[in-house]
Amino acid sequence: MSQAKLFVVDDDDAARTLLAEALLVEGYEVEAFSSGQAAVERGQQSPPDVVLTDIRMEQGDGFLVLKEFKRFSPDTSVVLLTAFGSLEGAIEGIKQGAYDYLAKPFKKEDIRLVMQRSLEHCRLVRENARFRDDVRSREPWSPLVGSSPAMLEVYKLVARVSEGRSTVLIEGESGTGKELIAHAVHAHSPRRDKPFIPVNCGALPDHLLESEMFGYEKGAFTGAVGIKAGLFEAAHGGTLFLDEIGDLGQALQVKLLRVMQEQEVRRVGSTSSVKVDVRIIAATNRDLATLVKDGKFRDDLYYRLNVVRIPLPSLAQRREDITMLAHHFLQKYAKQSLRVRGFLPETMALLKRYQWPGNVRELENAIERAVSLSHGPLLLPEDLPEVLRADPDQADFFKGDRRDGDQDVLLTLDEVEKRHLARVLKETRGNKVKAAKILGIDRRTLYRMAERFGLDFGNEAEEK
């Protein structure tokens, strides 16, 4: 990022001047304002990267500044400046979308760290939006959803590989969206106006799959009453997506390798070949390298397929995206049920804590089910599939201790978060990196949560 542009907003002249000067010394471009309204008006003309604003001001308080910048410049990071007496307000501001807060009086190191994190957040948001929008603009009917660092790397690979014609191998668990990524590569390529044809290599026996892929001549086998072009010919000029390539039999592996090498196909029962111009995108949920070692997959075909590899993260590896994905699917299915508009906090907590062995596909199915069963504007925990509610790893989070033989006392969401955070810190022995990774949050959020609940990292908080 080039020289960062910052706004400092505070109606206290001395505090505003002191903070602005400290930031100028750090090399930032700084504009200072004595009212929130003035900062908003200036920001509409030229949005900054970060806004540092006091909460309590007479002319346009910090919450107005936060609300307005979120409206017209959502990628601007807003940091709230707060005195001890307004700390609760700062926490409320975080819930409303503020990136962080600085407690007065400031320490130079506090300012430096907050600015570094805020600007990095701003950079990631903008970079993510650029790559995601670049792909989504070519494929509006099946948008890629997610803003996690793991998905940002996927967007980068899609954007970089799409313009070429190299073979692409997409690896990931079932339900991670391999076909969606293949669609995105095709839709962003010079072949976008030509066919995109998917074929599931594990759905048909080899003899049927061969005739489907390569076509056949009349009389080639019983039932072949005419000439049929195969999927390679149908995909001429475009893209052929070979899903579950690891299920392909050895005989078909040989024939596929020949087609890729010669760029021509021979129909079953024919003695002549047909030239084809097809880009291959393959996908698998199996470890092809292991299959090669075990002699179940040809090494020469593997190397021919593995020119550009796009690994897809599981949903458990991109937990930051669960909220965004859940709302995306809610909007998709709520069109059939306009009464549903959002999630109860307890419902979202269940979604974010579940392990999702079926990945994004399982999440989509869960949201579709919840929308169809819901009777109100917010999805409730009981609207979700039982497996999410009965997860043994989560059952104890939502219940308090029994009191004098009474039934379990249901906990507040804050108490649920506190108990889970305490458990993770205990399991990781206070290791901040491991704890943040397990929780699917960054360390800034981890620090804030620990401070909020009065928890510490113990004596073994080394970062490994």
Protein backbone atom coordinates (compact mmCIF):
# COMPACT_ATOMS: atom_id res chain seq x y z
CA MET A 1 0.00 0.00 0.00
CA SER A 2 1.30 3.49 -0.89
CA GLN A 3 1.37 6.24 1.73
CA ALA A 4 -1.70 5.59 3.85
CA LYS A 5 -4.30 8.31 4.25
CA LEU A 6 -5.75 8.80 7.73
CA PHE A 7 -8.48 10.94 9.29
CA VAL A 8 -8.24 12.02 12.93
CA VAL A 9 -11.57 13.21 14.38
CA ASP A 10 -11.73 14.74 17.88
CA ASP A 11 -13.32 17.94 19.21
CA ASP A 12 -10.57 18.22 21.84
CA ASP A 13 -8.00 20.47 20.15
CA ALA A 14 -5.04 19.26 22.21
CA ALA A 15 -5.85 15.55 21.82
CA ARG A 16 -6.49 15.93 18.09
CA THR A 17 -3.24 17.80 17.47
CA LEU A 18 -1.18 15.38 19.56
CA LEU A 19 -2.49 12.29 17.76
CA ALA A 20 -2.21 13.87 14.30
CA GLU A 21 1.41 14.84 14.93
CA ALA A 22 2.26 11.36 16.20
CA LEU A 23 0.83 9.81 13.04
CA LEU A 24 2.60 12.31 10.77
CA VAL A 25 5.91 11.32 12.38
CA GLU A 26 5.13 7.70 11.46
CA GLY A 27 4.94 8.75 7.80
CA TYR A 28 1.18 8.77 7.24
CA GLU A 29 -0.83 11.37 5.35
CA VAL A 30 -3.12 12.87 8.00
CA GLU A 31 -6.17 15.13 7.92
CA ALA A 32 -7.65 16.31 11.24
CA PHE A 33 -11.27 17.31 11.95
CA SER A 34 -12.98 18.82 14.98
CA SER A 35 -16.38 17.27 14.21
CA GLY A 36 -17.72 14.01 12.86
CA GLN A 37 -19.86 15.79 10.30
CA ALA A 38 -16.85 17.55 8.78
CA ALA A 39 -14.97 14.24 8.51
CA VAL A 40 -17.95 12.56 6.82
CA GLU A 41 -18.30 15.35 4.26
CA ARG A 42 -14.60 15.22 3.45
CA GLY A 43 -14.64 11.42 3.31
CA GLN A 44 -17.42 11.44 0.71
CA GLN A 45 -15.08 13.45 -1.54
CA SER A 46 -11.95 11.39 -0.85
CA PRO A 47 -12.27 8.35 1.44
CA PRO A 48 -9.29 7.58 3.67
CA ASP A 49 -7.80 4.20 4.50
CA VAL A 50 -8.40 4.58 8.24
CA VAL A 51 -10.51 6.89 10.40
CA LEU A 52 -9.60 7.41 14.06
CA THR A 53 -12.57 9.08 15.72
CA ASP A 54 -13.49 10.03 19.26
CA ILE A 55 -16.84 8.65 20.38
CA ARG A 56 -18.18 11.61 22.35
CA MET A 57 -18.39 14.78 20.29
CA GLU A 58 -21.07 17.44 20.14
CA GLN A 59 -21.25 17.75 16.34
CA GLY A 60 -21.51 14.25 14.91
CA ASP A 61 -20.31 11.63 17.39
CA GLY A 62 -18.15 8.61 16.63
CA PHE A 63 -21.11 6.35 15.98
CA LEU A 64 -22.35 8.70 13.25
CA VAL A 65 -18.88 8.65 11.69
CA LEU A 66 -18.81 4.84 11.86
CA LYS A 67 -22.30 4.48 10.37
CA GLU A 68 -21.66 6.89 7.51
CA PHE A 69 -18.27 5.49 6.50
CA LYS A 70 -19.67 1.96 6.57
CA ARG A 71 -22.36 3.21 4.20
CA PHE A 72 -20.28 4.97 1.53
CA SER A 73 -16.78 3.53 2.09
CA PRO A 74 -17.12 0.05 3.65
CA ASP A 75 -13.46 -0.84 3.10
CA THR A 76 -12.31 2.08 5.29
CA SER A 77 -11.22 0.85 8.73
CA VAL A 78 -12.75 2.84 11.60
CA VAL A 79 -10.91 2.94 14.94
CA LEU A 80 -12.78 4.42 17.91
CA LEU A 81 -11.02 6.65 20.46
CA THR A 82 -12.42 6.16 23.93
CA ALA A 83 -11.87 7.27 27.49
CA PHE A 84 -12.30 4.72 30.27
CA GLY A 85 -15.84 5.86 30.94
CA SER A 86 -16.95 5.08 27.38
CA LEU A 87 -15.28 1.68 27.04
CA GLU A 88 -18.66 -0.05 26.82
CA GLY A 89 -19.53 2.25 23.95
CA ALA A 90 -16.33 1.25 22.17
CA ILE A 91 -17.21 -2.43 22.49
CA GLU A 92 -20.67 -1.67 21.12
CA GLY A 93 -18.96 0.10 18.23
CA ILE A 94 -16.94 -3.04 17.48
CA LYS A 95 -20.21 -4.95 17.19
CA GLN A 96 -21.47 -2.32 14.74
CA GLY A 97 -18.45 -2.71 12.49
CA ALA A 98 -15.60 -0.63 13.96
CA TYR A 99 -12.28 -2.35 13.40
CA ASP A 100 -10.75 -1.59 16.81
CA TYR A 101 -10.53 1.01 19.57
CA LEU A 102 -7.80 2.99 21.31
CA ALA A 103 -8.18 3.75 25.00
CA LYS A 104 -7.05 7.17 26.19
CA PRO A 105 -4.39 8.12 27.12
CA PHE A 106 -2.54 6.60 24.17
CA LYS A 107 0.87 5.00 24.18
CA LYS A 108 3.02 5.41 21.08
CA GLU A 109 3.34 1.64 20.69
CA ASP A 110 -0.45 1.23 20.97
CA ILE A 111 -0.96 3.70 18.12
CA ARG A 112 1.66 2.00 15.96
CA LEU A 113 0.19 -1.49 16.44
CA VAL A 114 -3.41 -0.40 15.89
CA MET A 115 -2.48 1.41 12.70
CA GLN A 116 -0.49 -1.53 11.35
CA ARG A 117 -3.38 -3.91 11.96
CA SER A 118 -5.98 -1.49 10.61
CA LEU A 119 -4.08 -0.86 7.40
CA GLU A 120 -3.42 -4.57 6.89
CA HIS A 121 -7.13 -5.21 7.35
CA CYS A 122 -7.93 -2.48 4.83
CA ARG A 123 -5.45 -3.94 2.34
CA LEU A 124 -6.87 -7.46 2.65
CA VAL A 125 -10.45 -6.26 2.25
CA ARG A 126 -9.63 -4.31 -0.89
CA GLU A 127 -7.45 -7.04 -2.39
CA ASN A 128 -10.06 -9.69 -1.65
CA ALA A 129 -12.83 -7.58 -3.18
CA ARG A 130 -10.76 -6.95 -6.29
CA PHE A 131 -10.01 -10.61 -6.97
CA ARG A 132 -13.47 -11.82 -6.01
CA ASP A 133 -15.25 -9.18 -8.06
CA ASP A 134 -12.97 -9.89 -11.00
CA VAL A 135 -14.19 -13.47 -11.04
CA ARG A 136 -17.79 -12.77 -10.06
CA SER A 137 -18.22 -10.15 -12.77
CA ARG A 138 -17.72 -12.87 -15.38
CA GLU A 139 -19.97 -15.36 -13.57
CA PRO A 140 -22.82 -13.52 -11.83
CA TRP A 141 -25.05 -16.57 -11.71
CA SER A 142 -22.78 -18.55 -9.36
CA PRO A 143 -20.79 -16.14 -7.19
CA LEU A 144 -17.77 -17.17 -5.20
CA VAL A 145 -18.40 -16.34 -1.57
CA GLY A 146 -15.76 -15.84 1.11
CA SER A 147 -13.30 -13.27 2.37
CA SER A 148 -10.92 -15.48 4.37
CA PRO A 149 -7.19 -15.46 3.58
CA ALA A 150 -7.50 -19.05 2.35
CA MET A 151 -10.16 -18.11 -0.20
CA LEU A 152 -8.26 -14.99 -1.22
CA GLU A 153 -5.42 -17.25 -2.34
CA VAL A 154 -7.91 -19.29 -4.38
CA TYR A 155 -9.26 -16.12 -6.05
CA LYS A 156 -5.70 -15.12 -6.94
CA LEU A 157 -5.00 -18.48 -8.56
CA VAL A 158 -8.28 -18.38 -10.50
CA ALA A 159 -7.52 -14.89 -11.79
CA ARG A 160 -3.98 -15.81 -12.80
CA VAL A 161 -4.63 -19.14 -14.48
CA SER A 162 -7.83 -18.26 -16.33
CA GLU A 163 -6.26 -16.34 -19.21
CA GLY A 164 -4.04 -19.24 -20.25
CA ARG A 165 -4.83 -22.72 -21.56
CA SER A 166 -2.82 -24.80 -19.08
CA THR A 167 -4.48 -27.84 -17.55
CA VAL A 168 -5.77 -27.18 -14.02
CA LEU A 169 -6.10 -29.69 -11.20
CA ILE A 170 -8.51 -28.70 -8.42
CA GLU A 171 -8.13 -30.62 -5.16
CA GLY A 172 -10.48 -30.51 -2.20
CA GLU A 173 -12.90 -32.44 -0.05
CA SER A 174 -16.41 -33.20 -1.28
CA GLY A 175 -18.63 -30.16 -1.04
CA THR A 176 -15.88 -27.53 -1.15
CA GLY A 177 -17.00 -26.13 -4.52
CA LYS A 178 -14.61 -27.69 -7.04
CA GLU A 179 -17.03 -27.41 -9.95
CA LEU A 180 -17.78 -23.80 -9.01
CA ILE A 181 -14.06 -22.98 -9.24
CA ALA A 182 -13.84 -24.78 -12.59
CA HIS A 183 -16.78 -22.69 -13.83
CA ALA A 184 -14.98 -19.55 -12.64
CA VAL A 185 -11.77 -20.43 -14.50
CA HIS A 186 -13.73 -21.06 -17.70
CA ALA A 187 -15.92 -17.95 -17.34
CA HIS A 188 -12.85 -15.78 -16.85
CA SER A 189 -10.98 -17.23 -19.82
CA PRO A 190 -10.92 -16.45 -23.56
CA ARG A 191 -13.05 -19.62 -23.94
CA ARG A 192 -15.94 -18.11 -21.97
CA ASP A 193 -18.24 -18.01 -25.02
CA LYS A 194 -17.60 -21.66 -25.84
CA PRO A 195 -19.04 -24.74 -24.08
CA PHE A 196 -18.25 -25.71 -20.50
CA ILE A 197 -19.05 -29.41 -20.20
CA PRO A 198 -18.77 -31.29 -16.90
CA VAL A 199 -18.46 -35.06 -16.63
CA ASN A 200 -18.34 -37.09 -13.41
CA CYS A 201 -15.74 -39.80 -13.91
CA GLY A 202 -17.09 -41.85 -11.01
CA ALA A 203 -20.75 -41.83 -12.05
CA LEU A 204 -20.57 -44.35 -14.91
CA PRO A 205 -18.86 -47.70 -15.55
CA ASP A 206 -15.75 -47.34 -17.69
CA HIS A 207 -17.29 -48.77 -20.88
CA LEU A 208 -20.17 -46.27 -20.75
CA LEU A 209 -17.91 -43.40 -19.73
CA GLU A 210 -15.62 -44.14 -22.69
CA SER A 211 -18.46 -43.81 -25.20
CA GLU A 212 -19.71 -40.67 -23.45
CA MET A 213 -16.30 -38.98 -23.53
CA PHE A 214 -15.04 -40.09 -26.94
CA GLY A 215 -18.26 -40.90 -28.83
CA TYR A 216 -18.92 -43.96 -30.99
CA GLU A 217 -19.59 -45.13 -34.53
CA LYS A 218 -22.66 -47.00 -35.71
CA GLY A 219 -22.39 -50.68 -34.83
CA ALA A 220 -19.47 -50.18 -32.43
CA PHE A 221 -21.39 -52.17 -29.81
CA THR A 222 -24.86 -53.52 -29.18
CA GLY A 223 -27.27 -50.60 -29.15
CA ALA A 224 -25.00 -48.27 -31.14
CA VAL A 225 -27.58 -47.62 -33.87
CA GLY A 226 -26.06 -44.36 -35.04
CA ILE A 227 -23.04 -42.08 -34.86
CA LYS A 228 -22.61 -40.08 -31.67
CA ALA A 229 -20.03 -37.38 -30.98
CA GLY A 230 -18.46 -37.54 -27.53
CA LEU A 231 -18.08 -34.88 -24.87
CA PHE A 232 -14.60 -33.94 -26.12
CA GLU A 233 -16.05 -33.01 -29.49
CA ALA A 234 -18.97 -31.23 -27.83
CA ALA A 235 -16.51 -29.16 -25.78
CA HIS A 236 -14.44 -28.13 -28.84
CA GLY A 237 -13.12 -24.61 -28.34
CA GLY A 238 -14.21 -24.65 -24.71
CA THR A 239 -13.53 -26.49 -21.46
CA LEU A 240 -14.09 -30.09 -20.36
CA PHE A 241 -14.37 -30.49 -16.60
CA LEU A 242 -13.41 -33.99 -15.45
CA ASP A 243 -14.77 -34.30 -11.93
CA GLU A 244 -13.54 -37.06 -9.59
CA ILE A 245 -10.67 -37.86 -11.97
CA GLY A 246 -9.21 -40.21 -9.35
CA ASP A 247 -12.03 -42.70 -10.06
CA LEU A 248 -11.01 -43.10 -13.71
CA GLY A 249 -10.06 -46.68 -14.65
CA GLN A 250 -6.60 -47.59 -15.93
CA ALA A 251 -7.72 -48.22 -19.52
CA LEU A 252 -9.45 -44.85 -19.74
CA GLN A 253 -6.44 -43.18 -18.17
CA VAL A 254 -4.35 -44.33 -21.13
CA LYS A 255 -6.87 -43.03 -23.64
CA LEU A 256 -7.25 -39.70 -21.84
CA LEU A 257 -3.47 -39.25 -21.80
CA ARG A 258 -3.35 -39.84 -25.55
CA VAL A 259 -6.08 -37.26 -26.19
CA MET A 260 -4.24 -34.69 -24.07
CA GLN A 261 -0.97 -35.34 -25.88
CA GLU A 262 -2.32 -35.49 -29.43
CA GLN A 263 -5.31 -33.15 -29.11
CA GLU A 264 -7.44 -35.61 -31.04
CA VAL A 265 -10.04 -38.24 -30.20
CA ARG A 266 -10.99 -41.53 -31.78
CA ARG A 267 -14.60 -42.60 -31.41
CA VAL A 268 -15.30 -46.13 -30.22
CA GLY A 269 -15.40 -48.36 -33.30
CA SER A 270 -13.65 -45.82 -35.54
CA THR A 271 -10.27 -46.06 -37.29
CA SER A 272 -9.85 -42.32 -37.80
CA SER A 273 -9.31 -39.44 -35.38
CA VAL A 274 -10.98 -36.06 -34.93
CA LYS A 275 -8.97 -33.00 -33.94
CA VAL A 276 -10.24 -31.18 -30.83
CA ASP A 277 -9.27 -27.95 -29.07
CA VAL A 278 -10.27 -28.51 -25.46
CA ARG A 279 -8.94 -27.19 -22.18
CA ILE A 280 -8.97 -29.79 -19.42
CA ILE A 281 -9.85 -28.91 -15.85
CA ALA A 282 -9.80 -31.91 -13.53
CA ALA A 283 -10.92 -32.22 -9.92
CA THR A 284 -10.57 -34.81 -7.21
CA ASN A 285 -11.27 -35.36 -3.53
CA ARG A 286 -8.60 -38.07 -3.44
CA ASP A 287 -4.83 -37.80 -3.06
CA LEU A 288 -3.63 -38.48 -6.60
CA ALA A 289 0.02 -38.55 -5.53
CA THR A 290 -0.76 -41.44 -3.17
CA LEU A 291 -2.75 -43.22 -5.90
CA VAL A 292 0.30 -42.90 -8.16
CA LYS A 293 2.53 -44.46 -5.48
CA ASP A 294 0.02 -47.29 -5.04
CA GLY A 295 -0.04 -47.96 -8.79
CA LYS A 296 -3.71 -46.99 -9.15
CA PHE A 297 -3.13 -43.84 -11.20
CA ARG A 298 -0.66 -43.31 -14.03
CA ASP A 299 2.20 -41.03 -13.11
CA ASP A 300 2.47 -39.62 -16.66
CA LEU A 301 -1.23 -38.66 -16.63
CA TYR A 302 -0.85 -37.18 -13.15
CA TYR A 303 1.99 -34.91 -14.29
CA ARG A 304 0.02 -33.96 -17.40
CA LEU A 305 -2.96 -32.96 -15.24
CA ASN A 306 -1.03 -31.31 -12.43
CA VAL A 307 0.23 -28.29 -14.39
CA VAL A 308 -1.54 -25.72 -12.21
CA ARG A 309 -2.90 -26.96 -8.89
CA ILE A 310 -5.66 -25.17 -7.01
CA PRO A 311 -6.14 -26.59 -3.49
CA LEU A 312 -9.52 -25.75 -1.94
CA PRO A 313 -9.73 -25.33 1.84
CA SER A 314 -12.36 -27.20 3.80
CA LEU A 315 -15.03 -25.11 5.50
CA ALA A 316 -13.39 -25.89 8.84
CA GLN A 317 -10.24 -24.21 7.50
CA ARG A 318 -12.12 -21.03 6.54
CA ARG A 319 -14.47 -20.53 9.46
CA GLU A 320 -14.34 -16.76 8.94
CA ASP A 321 -16.51 -17.34 5.86
CA ILE A 322 -19.34 -19.20 7.60
CA THR A 323 -21.29 -16.05 8.46
CA MET A 324 -20.98 -14.67 4.92
CA LEU A 325 -21.89 -18.02 3.36
CA ALA A 326 -24.85 -18.49 5.68
CA HIS A 327 -26.27 -15.07 4.75
CA HIS A 328 -25.60 -15.77 1.07
CA PHE A 329 -27.62 -18.98 1.19
CA LEU A 330 -30.28 -17.30 3.32
CA GLN A 331 -30.77 -14.68 0.60
CA LYS A 332 -30.86 -17.40 -2.05
CA TYR A 333 -33.59 -19.46 -0.39
CA ALA A 334 -35.47 -16.68 1.39
CA LYS A 335 -36.66 -15.46 -2.00
CA GLN A 336 -39.24 -18.21 -1.69
CA SER A 337 -40.07 -17.12 1.87
CA LEU A 338 -39.87 -13.36 2.26
CA ARG A 339 -40.62 -13.55 5.99
CA VAL A 340 -37.11 -14.88 6.81
CA ARG A 341 -34.56 -12.08 7.18
CA GLY A 342 -31.75 -13.28 9.45
CA PHE A 343 -30.37 -15.51 12.20
CA LEU A 344 -30.85 -15.62 15.94
CA PRO A 345 -27.39 -15.25 17.57
CA GLU A 346 -27.64 -18.75 19.05
CA THR A 347 -28.34 -20.15 15.58
CA MET A 348 -25.26 -18.51 14.08
CA ALA A 349 -23.20 -19.74 17.04
CA LEU A 350 -24.21 -23.32 16.20
CA LEU A 351 -23.31 -22.84 12.54
CA LYS A 352 -19.89 -21.43 13.40
CA ARG A 353 -19.01 -24.20 15.87
CA TYR A 354 -20.08 -27.22 13.83
CA GLN A 355 -17.27 -29.11 12.06
CA TRP A 356 -19.01 -29.31 8.63
CA PRO A 357 -17.74 -32.65 7.30
CA GLY A 358 -19.88 -32.00 4.21
CA ASN A 359 -18.36 -28.54 3.78
CA VAL A 360 -20.16 -25.74 1.90
CA ARG A 361 -22.66 -28.13 0.31
CA GLU A 362 -23.76 -29.31 3.75
CA LEU A 363 -24.05 -25.71 4.96
CA GLU A 364 -26.22 -24.80 1.98
CA ASN A 365 -28.50 -27.78 2.61
CA ALA A 366 -28.80 -26.82 6.28
CA ILE A 367 -29.81 -23.25 5.43
CA GLU A 368 -32.29 -24.38 2.79
CA ARG A 369 -33.91 -26.71 5.34
CA ALA A 370 -33.97 -24.02 8.02
CA VAL A 371 -35.65 -21.51 5.72
CA SER A 372 -38.31 -24.02 4.71
CA LEU A 373 -39.10 -24.87 8.35
CA SER A 374 -38.91 -21.37 9.82
CA HIS A 375 -42.08 -19.66 11.06
CA GLY A 376 -40.58 -16.26 11.86
CA PRO A 377 -38.20 -13.56 10.63
CA LEU A 378 -35.15 -15.11 12.33
CA LEU A 379 -33.87 -18.66 11.94
CA LEU A 380 -33.90 -20.49 15.28
CA PRO A 381 -31.61 -23.32 16.48
CA GLU A 382 -34.50 -25.77 16.21
CA ASP A 383 -34.79 -24.93 12.49
CA LEU A 384 -31.34 -26.46 11.91
CA PRO A 385 -30.74 -30.19 11.29
CA GLU A 386 -30.53 -32.25 14.46
CA VAL A 387 -26.90 -33.18 13.80
CA LEU A 388 -25.90 -29.54 14.27
CA ARG A 389 -27.83 -29.21 17.51
CA ALA A 390 -26.76 -32.60 18.87
CA ASP A 391 -23.06 -32.27 18.16
CA PRO A 392 -21.42 -33.80 21.28
CA ASP A 393 -18.57 -31.32 21.10
CA GLN A 394 -21.05 -28.49 21.49
CA ALA A 395 -23.72 -29.89 23.81
CA ASP A 396 -22.18 -28.63 27.05
CA PHE A 397 -21.59 -25.10 25.73
CA PHE A 398 -25.24 -24.16 25.90
CA LYS A 399 -26.07 -25.45 29.39
CA GLY A 400 -25.14 -24.18 32.81
CA ASP A 401 -24.65 -26.18 36.00
CA ARG A 402 -27.61 -27.94 37.59
CA ARG A 403 -28.89 -26.17 40.68
CA ASP A 404 -30.51 -28.17 43.48
CA GLY A 405 -31.78 -30.85 41.12
CA ASP A 406 -33.36 -28.37 38.71
CA GLN A 407 -33.05 -28.70 34.97
CA ASP A 408 -30.03 -27.31 33.15
CA VAL A 409 -29.98 -23.52 33.00
CA LEU A 410 -29.59 -22.20 29.44
CA LEU A 411 -26.60 -19.87 29.11
CA THR A 412 -26.41 -16.48 27.48
CA LEU A 413 -24.41 -16.19 24.26
CA ASP A 414 -21.68 -14.28 26.14
CA GLU A 415 -21.33 -17.12 28.65
CA VAL A 416 -21.19 -19.66 25.82
CA GLU A 417 -18.37 -17.69 24.16
CA LYS A 418 -16.54 -17.33 27.47
CA ARG A 419 -16.69 -21.04 28.23
CA HIS A 420 -15.53 -22.02 24.76
CA LEU A 421 -12.67 -19.49 24.80
CA ALA A 422 -11.56 -20.72 28.23
CA ARG A 423 -11.62 -24.30 26.98
CA VAL A 424 -9.54 -23.51 23.90
CA LEU A 425 -6.99 -21.52 25.94
CA LYS A 426 -6.71 -24.43 28.32
CA GLU A 427 -6.25 -26.98 25.54
CA THR A 428 -3.60 -24.85 23.80
CA ARG A 429 -1.90 -23.89 27.09
CA GLY A 430 -2.33 -20.25 26.25
CA ASN A 431 -0.67 -20.45 22.83
CA LYS A 432 -2.16 -17.43 21.03
CA VAL A 433 -1.43 -18.63 17.50
CA LYS A 434 -2.98 -22.06 18.04
CA ALA A 435 -5.98 -20.66 19.93
CA ALA A 436 -6.75 -18.11 17.21
CA LYS A 437 -6.44 -20.79 14.50
CA ILE A 438 -8.83 -23.16 16.30
CA LEU A 439 -11.37 -20.37 16.86
CA GLY A 440 -11.09 -19.14 13.28
CA ILE A 441 -10.28 -15.56 14.33
CA ASP A 442 -7.24 -13.28 14.23
CA ARG A 443 -5.14 -12.56 17.30
CA ARG A 444 -6.50 -9.05 17.62
CA THR A 445 -9.97 -10.47 18.15
CA LEU A 446 -8.56 -13.12 20.48
CA TYR A 447 -6.92 -10.47 22.70
CA ARG A 448 -10.11 -8.44 22.81
CA MET A 449 -12.25 -11.46 23.73
CA ALA A 450 -9.84 -12.54 26.47
CA GLU A 451 -9.79 -9.01 27.90
CA ARG A 452 -13.56 -8.79 27.70
CA PHE A 453 -14.07 -12.02 29.66
CA GLY A 454 -11.17 -11.49 32.07
CA LEU A 455 -9.21 -14.51 30.81
CA ASP A 456 -5.42 -14.77 30.52
CA PHE A 457 -3.08 -16.85 28.40
CA GLY A 458 -1.41 -18.66 31.28
CA ASN A 459 2.35 -19.14 31.62
CA GLU A 460 2.93 -20.99 28.35
CA ALA A 461 1.84 -18.40 25.79
CA GLU A 462 4.77 -18.88 23.46
CA GLU A 463 3.94 -18.60 19.77
CA LYS A 464 4.92 -21.63 17.76
